[in-house]
C-alpha cells in the first residue's frame, strides 16, 4: 500500500501564489505517474495536472499556464506550484500516484486550498 501525504494547503488571496507538496512512501516512485486532482464543494473530483515517469506533463485547461507540476524522484515528492489563483481554484486538492504496471492508483488524504477574493 502506497501512502501519500499532502501538505501546504491554506488560505490565499486571489491573484497570489501557493505551493502544495506531496511525499510518497513508494520505492518505485521514479517509474510511477504522479498527479494532482481537486474537488470543489458540491463538485466532482477533477484532474488538475499529471507528470509521467518520462516527465511528460499534462494540465487541465483551466490551470494551464498558471499551475506547474514538478517531481523530485530523489525525495519521492511531487509539487504543485499555483500562480494567479482565483476563487474558483478553491477546492480540496489530492495527490495521486499511478502504477501503470499494476494498473493501480493511490490517493492522499487531501489538503484544502481556499482562495479569497
N, C-alpha and C. Protein backbone atom coordinates (compact mmCIF):
# COMPACT_ATOMS: atom_id res chain seq x y z
N UNK A 1 0.84 -1.18 0.00
CA UNK A 1 0.00 0.00 0.00
C UNK A 1 0.89 1.24 0.00
N UNK A 2 0.63 2.12 -0.95
CA UNK A 2 1.39 3.37 -1.04
C UNK A 2 0.71 4.43 -0.21
N UNK A 3 1.50 5.12 0.60
CA UNK A 3 0.99 6.23 1.40
C UNK A 3 1.40 7.55 0.75
N UNK A 4 0.45 8.45 0.63
CA UNK A 4 0.70 9.78 0.08
C UNK A 4 0.24 10.81 1.10
N UNK A 5 1.12 11.76 1.38
CA UNK A 5 0.77 12.79 2.37
C UNK A 5 1.00 14.16 1.77
N UNK A 6 -0.10 14.91 1.66
CA UNK A 6 -0.02 16.26 1.12
C UNK A 6 0.24 17.27 2.24
N UNK A 7 0.80 18.39 1.84
CA UNK A 7 0.99 19.50 2.76
C UNK A 7 0.95 20.79 1.97
N UNK A 8 0.72 21.89 2.68
CA UNK A 8 0.77 23.20 2.05
C UNK A 8 -0.56 23.87 1.83
N UNK A 9 -1.64 23.22 2.17
CA UNK A 9 -2.93 23.87 1.99
C UNK A 9 -3.09 25.09 2.88
N UNK A 10 -4.03 25.94 2.52
CA UNK A 10 -4.25 27.12 3.35
C UNK A 10 -5.11 28.14 2.66
N UNK A 11 -5.12 29.33 3.23
CA UNK A 11 -5.91 30.45 2.71
C UNK A 11 -4.99 31.38 1.93
N UNK A 12 -5.40 31.70 0.71
CA UNK A 12 -4.59 32.52 -0.17
C UNK A 12 -5.47 33.62 -0.77
N UNK A 13 -4.90 34.76 -0.98
CA UNK A 13 -5.65 35.84 -1.62
C UNK A 13 -5.67 35.65 -3.13
N UNK A 14 -6.74 36.06 -3.72
CA UNK A 14 -6.85 35.99 -5.18
C UNK A 14 -5.71 36.75 -5.83
N UNK A 15 -5.17 36.13 -6.87
CA UNK A 15 -4.04 36.74 -7.56
C UNK A 15 -2.70 36.30 -6.99
N UNK A 16 -2.73 35.64 -5.86
CA UNK A 16 -1.50 35.21 -5.22
C UNK A 16 -1.02 33.86 -5.69
N UNK A 17 0.05 33.40 -5.07
CA UNK A 17 0.67 32.12 -5.41
C UNK A 17 0.72 31.23 -4.18
N UNK A 18 0.77 29.96 -4.46
CA UNK A 18 0.83 28.99 -3.35
C UNK A 18 1.40 27.69 -3.89
N UNK A 19 2.01 26.93 -3.00
CA UNK A 19 2.61 25.67 -3.42
C UNK A 19 2.15 24.52 -2.53
N UNK A 20 1.77 23.45 -3.18
CA UNK A 20 1.43 22.22 -2.49
C UNK A 20 2.55 21.21 -2.69
N UNK A 21 2.68 20.32 -1.71
CA UNK A 21 3.69 19.27 -1.81
C UNK A 21 3.09 17.95 -1.35
N UNK A 22 3.62 16.88 -1.89
CA UNK A 22 3.14 15.54 -1.53
C UNK A 22 4.35 14.62 -1.48
N UNK A 23 4.43 13.83 -0.42
CA UNK A 23 5.52 12.86 -0.30
C UNK A 23 4.93 11.45 -0.33
N UNK A 24 5.58 10.58 -1.06
CA UNK A 24 5.09 9.22 -1.24
C UNK A 24 6.01 8.19 -0.60
N UNK A 25 5.40 7.18 -0.02
CA UNK A 25 6.16 6.07 0.56
C UNK A 25 6.21 4.95 -0.46
N UNK A 26 6.94 5.18 -1.54
CA UNK A 26 6.93 4.25 -2.66
C UNK A 26 8.33 4.11 -3.24
N UNK A 27 8.86 2.92 -3.18
CA UNK A 27 10.22 2.70 -3.68
C UNK A 27 10.29 2.79 -5.20
N UNK A 28 9.16 2.61 -5.86
CA UNK A 28 9.13 2.70 -7.32
C UNK A 28 8.55 4.04 -7.78
N UNK A 29 8.72 5.06 -6.97
CA UNK A 29 8.17 6.39 -7.27
C UNK A 29 8.64 6.89 -8.62
N UNK A 30 9.92 6.64 -8.93
CA UNK A 30 10.51 7.22 -10.14
C UNK A 30 9.93 6.64 -11.42
N UNK A 31 9.25 5.51 -11.36
CA UNK A 31 8.66 4.92 -12.55
C UNK A 31 7.13 4.98 -12.50
N UNK A 32 6.61 5.77 -11.57
CA UNK A 32 5.16 5.95 -11.44
C UNK A 32 4.74 7.28 -12.04
N UNK A 33 3.50 7.35 -12.45
CA UNK A 33 2.90 8.62 -12.85
C UNK A 33 2.33 9.28 -11.59
N UNK A 34 2.54 10.57 -11.46
CA UNK A 34 2.02 11.30 -10.30
C UNK A 34 1.13 12.43 -10.79
N UNK A 35 0.27 12.88 -9.90
CA UNK A 35 -0.63 13.93 -10.33
C UNK A 35 -1.35 14.60 -9.17
N UNK A 36 -2.08 15.64 -9.52
CA UNK A 36 -2.94 16.36 -8.59
C UNK A 36 -4.35 16.43 -9.14
N UNK A 37 -5.30 16.21 -8.26
CA UNK A 37 -6.71 16.36 -8.58
C UNK A 37 -7.30 17.33 -7.55
N UNK A 38 -8.49 17.82 -7.85
CA UNK A 38 -9.15 18.67 -6.87
C UNK A 38 -10.65 18.46 -6.90
N UNK A 39 -11.26 18.80 -5.79
CA UNK A 39 -12.71 18.68 -5.69
C UNK A 39 -13.24 19.90 -4.96
N UNK A 40 -14.05 20.66 -5.68
CA UNK A 40 -14.67 21.84 -5.10
C UNK A 40 -15.94 21.44 -4.37
N UNK A 41 -16.40 22.27 -3.45
CA UNK A 41 -17.64 21.97 -2.72
C UNK A 41 -18.80 21.72 -3.67
N UNK A 42 -19.43 20.58 -3.53
CA UNK A 42 -20.56 20.24 -4.38
C UNK A 42 -20.18 19.74 -5.75
N UNK A 43 -18.89 19.65 -6.02
CA UNK A 43 -18.44 19.24 -7.35
C UNK A 43 -17.81 17.86 -7.34
N UNK A 44 -17.41 17.42 -8.53
CA UNK A 44 -16.75 16.13 -8.66
C UNK A 44 -15.24 16.32 -8.64
N UNK A 45 -14.55 15.25 -8.32
CA UNK A 45 -13.09 15.31 -8.33
C UNK A 45 -12.64 15.42 -9.79
N UNK A 46 -11.73 16.35 -10.05
CA UNK A 46 -11.28 16.59 -11.42
C UNK A 46 -9.76 16.66 -11.48
N UNK A 47 -9.26 16.31 -12.65
CA UNK A 47 -7.83 16.33 -12.88
C UNK A 47 -7.31 17.77 -12.91
N UNK A 48 -6.19 18.00 -12.25
CA UNK A 48 -5.51 19.29 -12.31
C UNK A 48 -4.26 19.17 -13.19
N UNK A 49 -3.38 18.22 -12.84
CA UNK A 49 -2.13 18.05 -13.58
C UNK A 49 -1.56 16.67 -13.32
N UNK A 50 -0.84 16.15 -14.30
CA UNK A 50 -0.13 14.89 -14.13
C UNK A 50 1.27 15.01 -14.70
N UNK A 51 2.15 14.14 -14.21
CA UNK A 51 3.51 14.09 -14.73
C UNK A 51 3.92 12.62 -14.76
N UNK A 52 4.29 12.17 -15.95
CA UNK A 52 4.67 10.77 -16.08
C UNK A 52 6.11 10.55 -15.63
N UNK A 53 6.49 9.28 -15.59
CA UNK A 53 7.87 8.95 -15.24
C UNK A 53 8.85 9.52 -16.27
N UNK A 54 8.37 9.70 -17.48
CA UNK A 54 9.20 10.29 -18.53
C UNK A 54 9.10 11.80 -18.59
N UNK A 55 8.52 12.40 -17.53
CA UNK A 55 8.43 13.86 -17.40
C UNK A 55 7.50 14.53 -18.40
N UNK A 56 6.53 13.79 -18.90
CA UNK A 56 5.51 14.42 -19.72
C UNK A 56 4.45 14.99 -18.80
N UNK A 57 4.20 16.27 -18.93
CA UNK A 57 3.24 16.96 -18.07
C UNK A 57 1.95 17.25 -18.84
N UNK A 58 0.85 17.09 -18.14
CA UNK A 58 -0.45 17.43 -18.71
C UNK A 58 -1.21 18.27 -17.71
N UNK A 59 -2.00 19.22 -18.22
CA UNK A 59 -2.74 20.13 -17.35
C UNK A 59 -4.20 20.24 -17.81
N UNK A 60 -5.05 20.49 -16.84
CA UNK A 60 -6.43 20.82 -17.17
C UNK A 60 -6.42 22.20 -17.83
N UNK A 61 -7.30 22.41 -18.80
CA UNK A 61 -7.32 23.72 -19.49
C UNK A 61 -7.47 24.91 -18.53
N UNK A 62 -8.19 24.70 -17.45
CA UNK A 62 -8.46 25.79 -16.52
C UNK A 62 -7.21 26.27 -15.78
N UNK A 63 -6.18 25.42 -15.70
CA UNK A 63 -4.99 25.80 -14.93
C UNK A 63 -3.75 25.91 -15.80
N UNK A 64 -3.86 25.54 -17.05
CA UNK A 64 -2.69 25.58 -17.93
C UNK A 64 -2.15 27.00 -18.03
N UNK A 65 -0.87 27.12 -17.80
CA UNK A 65 -0.23 28.42 -17.84
C UNK A 65 -0.14 29.09 -16.47
N UNK A 66 -0.93 28.58 -15.51
CA UNK A 66 -0.91 29.15 -14.16
C UNK A 66 -0.32 28.19 -13.13
N UNK A 67 -0.57 26.90 -13.33
CA UNK A 67 -0.08 25.88 -12.39
C UNK A 67 1.07 25.11 -13.03
N UNK A 68 1.99 24.66 -12.19
CA UNK A 68 3.10 23.84 -12.66
C UNK A 68 3.30 22.66 -11.73
N UNK A 69 3.31 21.47 -12.32
CA UNK A 69 3.59 20.27 -11.54
C UNK A 69 5.06 19.92 -11.70
N UNK A 70 5.64 19.42 -10.62
CA UNK A 70 7.04 19.01 -10.67
C UNK A 70 7.25 17.84 -9.73
N UNK A 71 8.28 17.07 -9.98
CA UNK A 71 8.57 15.90 -9.15
C UNK A 71 10.04 15.85 -8.82
N UNK A 72 10.34 15.26 -7.67
CA UNK A 72 11.72 15.04 -7.25
C UNK A 72 11.83 13.56 -6.91
N UNK A 73 12.41 12.79 -7.81
CA UNK A 73 12.48 11.35 -7.61
C UNK A 73 13.44 10.94 -6.50
N UNK A 74 14.35 11.83 -6.16
CA UNK A 74 15.28 11.54 -5.06
C UNK A 74 14.56 11.60 -3.72
N UNK A 75 13.57 12.49 -3.63
CA UNK A 75 12.86 12.69 -2.37
C UNK A 75 11.46 12.10 -2.37
N UNK A 76 11.09 11.47 -3.50
CA UNK A 76 9.74 10.90 -3.62
C UNK A 76 8.65 11.95 -3.39
N UNK A 77 8.85 13.12 -3.95
CA UNK A 77 7.87 14.19 -3.76
C UNK A 77 7.35 14.71 -5.10
N UNK A 78 6.14 15.20 -5.05
CA UNK A 78 5.55 15.88 -6.20
C UNK A 78 4.95 17.19 -5.69
N UNK A 79 5.21 18.24 -6.42
CA UNK A 79 4.74 19.56 -6.02
C UNK A 79 3.78 20.14 -7.03
N UNK A 80 3.02 21.12 -6.58
CA UNK A 80 2.13 21.85 -7.46
C UNK A 80 2.27 23.33 -7.14
N UNK A 81 2.90 24.06 -8.04
CA UNK A 81 3.03 25.50 -7.90
C UNK A 81 1.82 26.15 -8.55
N UNK A 82 1.10 26.93 -7.78
CA UNK A 82 -0.13 27.55 -8.26
C UNK A 82 0.04 29.06 -8.26
N UNK A 83 -0.05 29.67 -9.41
CA UNK A 83 0.09 31.11 -9.55
C UNK A 83 -1.22 31.71 -10.03
N UNK A 84 -1.35 33.00 -9.79
CA UNK A 84 -2.53 33.73 -10.25
C UNK A 84 -3.82 33.03 -9.80
N UNK A 85 -3.89 32.71 -8.54
CA UNK A 85 -5.03 31.95 -8.03
C UNK A 85 -6.32 32.77 -8.08
N UNK A 86 -7.39 32.04 -8.34
CA UNK A 86 -8.71 32.65 -8.43
C UNK A 86 -9.66 31.94 -7.46
N UNK A 87 -10.78 32.58 -7.20
CA UNK A 87 -11.74 31.99 -6.25
C UNK A 87 -12.18 30.60 -6.69
N UNK A 88 -12.27 30.40 -8.00
CA UNK A 88 -12.72 29.08 -8.49
C UNK A 88 -11.68 27.99 -8.34
N UNK A 89 -10.48 28.36 -7.88
CA UNK A 89 -9.47 27.34 -7.57
C UNK A 89 -9.65 26.79 -6.16
N UNK A 90 -10.58 27.37 -5.41
CA UNK A 90 -10.87 26.86 -4.07
C UNK A 90 -11.37 25.43 -4.16
N UNK A 91 -10.67 24.53 -3.46
CA UNK A 91 -11.03 23.12 -3.53
C UNK A 91 -10.16 22.32 -2.56
N UNK A 92 -10.53 21.07 -2.42
CA UNK A 92 -9.69 20.11 -1.73
C UNK A 92 -8.78 19.51 -2.79
N UNK A 93 -7.48 19.56 -2.56
CA UNK A 93 -6.52 19.08 -3.53
C UNK A 93 -5.95 17.74 -3.08
N UNK A 94 -5.93 16.80 -4.02
CA UNK A 94 -5.48 15.44 -3.72
C UNK A 94 -4.27 15.07 -4.56
N UNK A 95 -3.32 14.45 -3.94
CA UNK A 95 -2.17 13.90 -4.62
C UNK A 95 -2.52 12.49 -5.11
N UNK A 96 -1.99 12.10 -6.25
CA UNK A 96 -2.33 10.81 -6.85
C UNK A 96 -1.08 10.16 -7.42
N UNK A 97 -0.97 8.88 -7.24
CA UNK A 97 0.14 8.12 -7.81
C UNK A 97 -0.41 6.91 -8.53
N UNK A 98 0.06 6.68 -9.74
CA UNK A 98 -0.45 5.59 -10.57
C UNK A 98 0.69 4.67 -10.98
N UNK A 99 0.48 3.39 -10.70
CA UNK A 99 1.45 2.38 -11.09
C UNK A 99 0.93 1.68 -12.33
N UNK A 100 1.49 2.04 -13.47
CA UNK A 100 0.99 1.52 -14.74
C UNK A 100 1.12 0.01 -14.83
N UNK A 101 2.23 -0.53 -14.30
CA UNK A 101 2.47 -1.97 -14.43
C UNK A 101 1.45 -2.81 -13.67
N UNK A 102 0.88 -2.20 -12.61
CA UNK A 102 -0.12 -2.90 -11.80
C UNK A 102 -1.52 -2.39 -12.05
N UNK A 103 -1.63 -1.33 -12.88
CA UNK A 103 -2.91 -0.66 -13.11
C UNK A 103 -3.57 -0.35 -11.77
N UNK A 104 -2.79 0.31 -10.91
CA UNK A 104 -3.27 0.59 -9.56
C UNK A 104 -2.96 2.03 -9.22
N UNK A 105 -3.91 2.67 -8.55
CA UNK A 105 -3.74 4.06 -8.19
C UNK A 105 -3.95 4.29 -6.71
N UNK A 106 -3.30 5.33 -6.18
CA UNK A 106 -3.37 5.63 -4.76
C UNK A 106 -3.61 7.12 -4.57
N UNK A 107 -4.34 7.43 -3.51
CA UNK A 107 -4.71 8.82 -3.21
C UNK A 107 -4.16 9.25 -1.86
N UNK A 108 -3.83 10.53 -1.76
CA UNK A 108 -3.55 11.12 -0.48
C UNK A 108 -4.85 11.50 0.20
N UNK A 109 -4.73 12.03 1.41
CA UNK A 109 -5.94 12.38 2.17
C UNK A 109 -6.50 13.74 1.77
N UNK A 110 -5.71 14.50 1.03
CA UNK A 110 -6.17 15.79 0.54
C UNK A 110 -5.79 16.94 1.45
N UNK A 111 -5.76 18.12 0.84
CA UNK A 111 -5.46 19.33 1.59
C UNK A 111 -6.29 20.48 1.01
N UNK A 112 -6.82 21.31 1.88
CA UNK A 112 -7.75 22.35 1.46
C UNK A 112 -6.99 23.61 1.03
N UNK A 113 -7.38 24.13 -0.11
CA UNK A 113 -6.90 25.43 -0.57
C UNK A 113 -8.11 26.34 -0.74
N UNK A 114 -8.06 27.47 -0.07
CA UNK A 114 -9.16 28.43 -0.16
C UNK A 114 -8.60 29.74 -0.67
N UNK A 115 -9.20 30.22 -1.76
CA UNK A 115 -8.77 31.48 -2.36
C UNK A 115 -9.81 32.54 -2.05
N UNK A 116 -9.40 33.58 -1.37
CA UNK A 116 -10.32 34.64 -1.00
C UNK A 116 -10.26 35.76 -2.03
N UNK A 117 -11.42 36.21 -2.40
CA UNK A 117 -11.49 37.27 -3.43
C UNK A 117 -11.63 38.65 -2.79
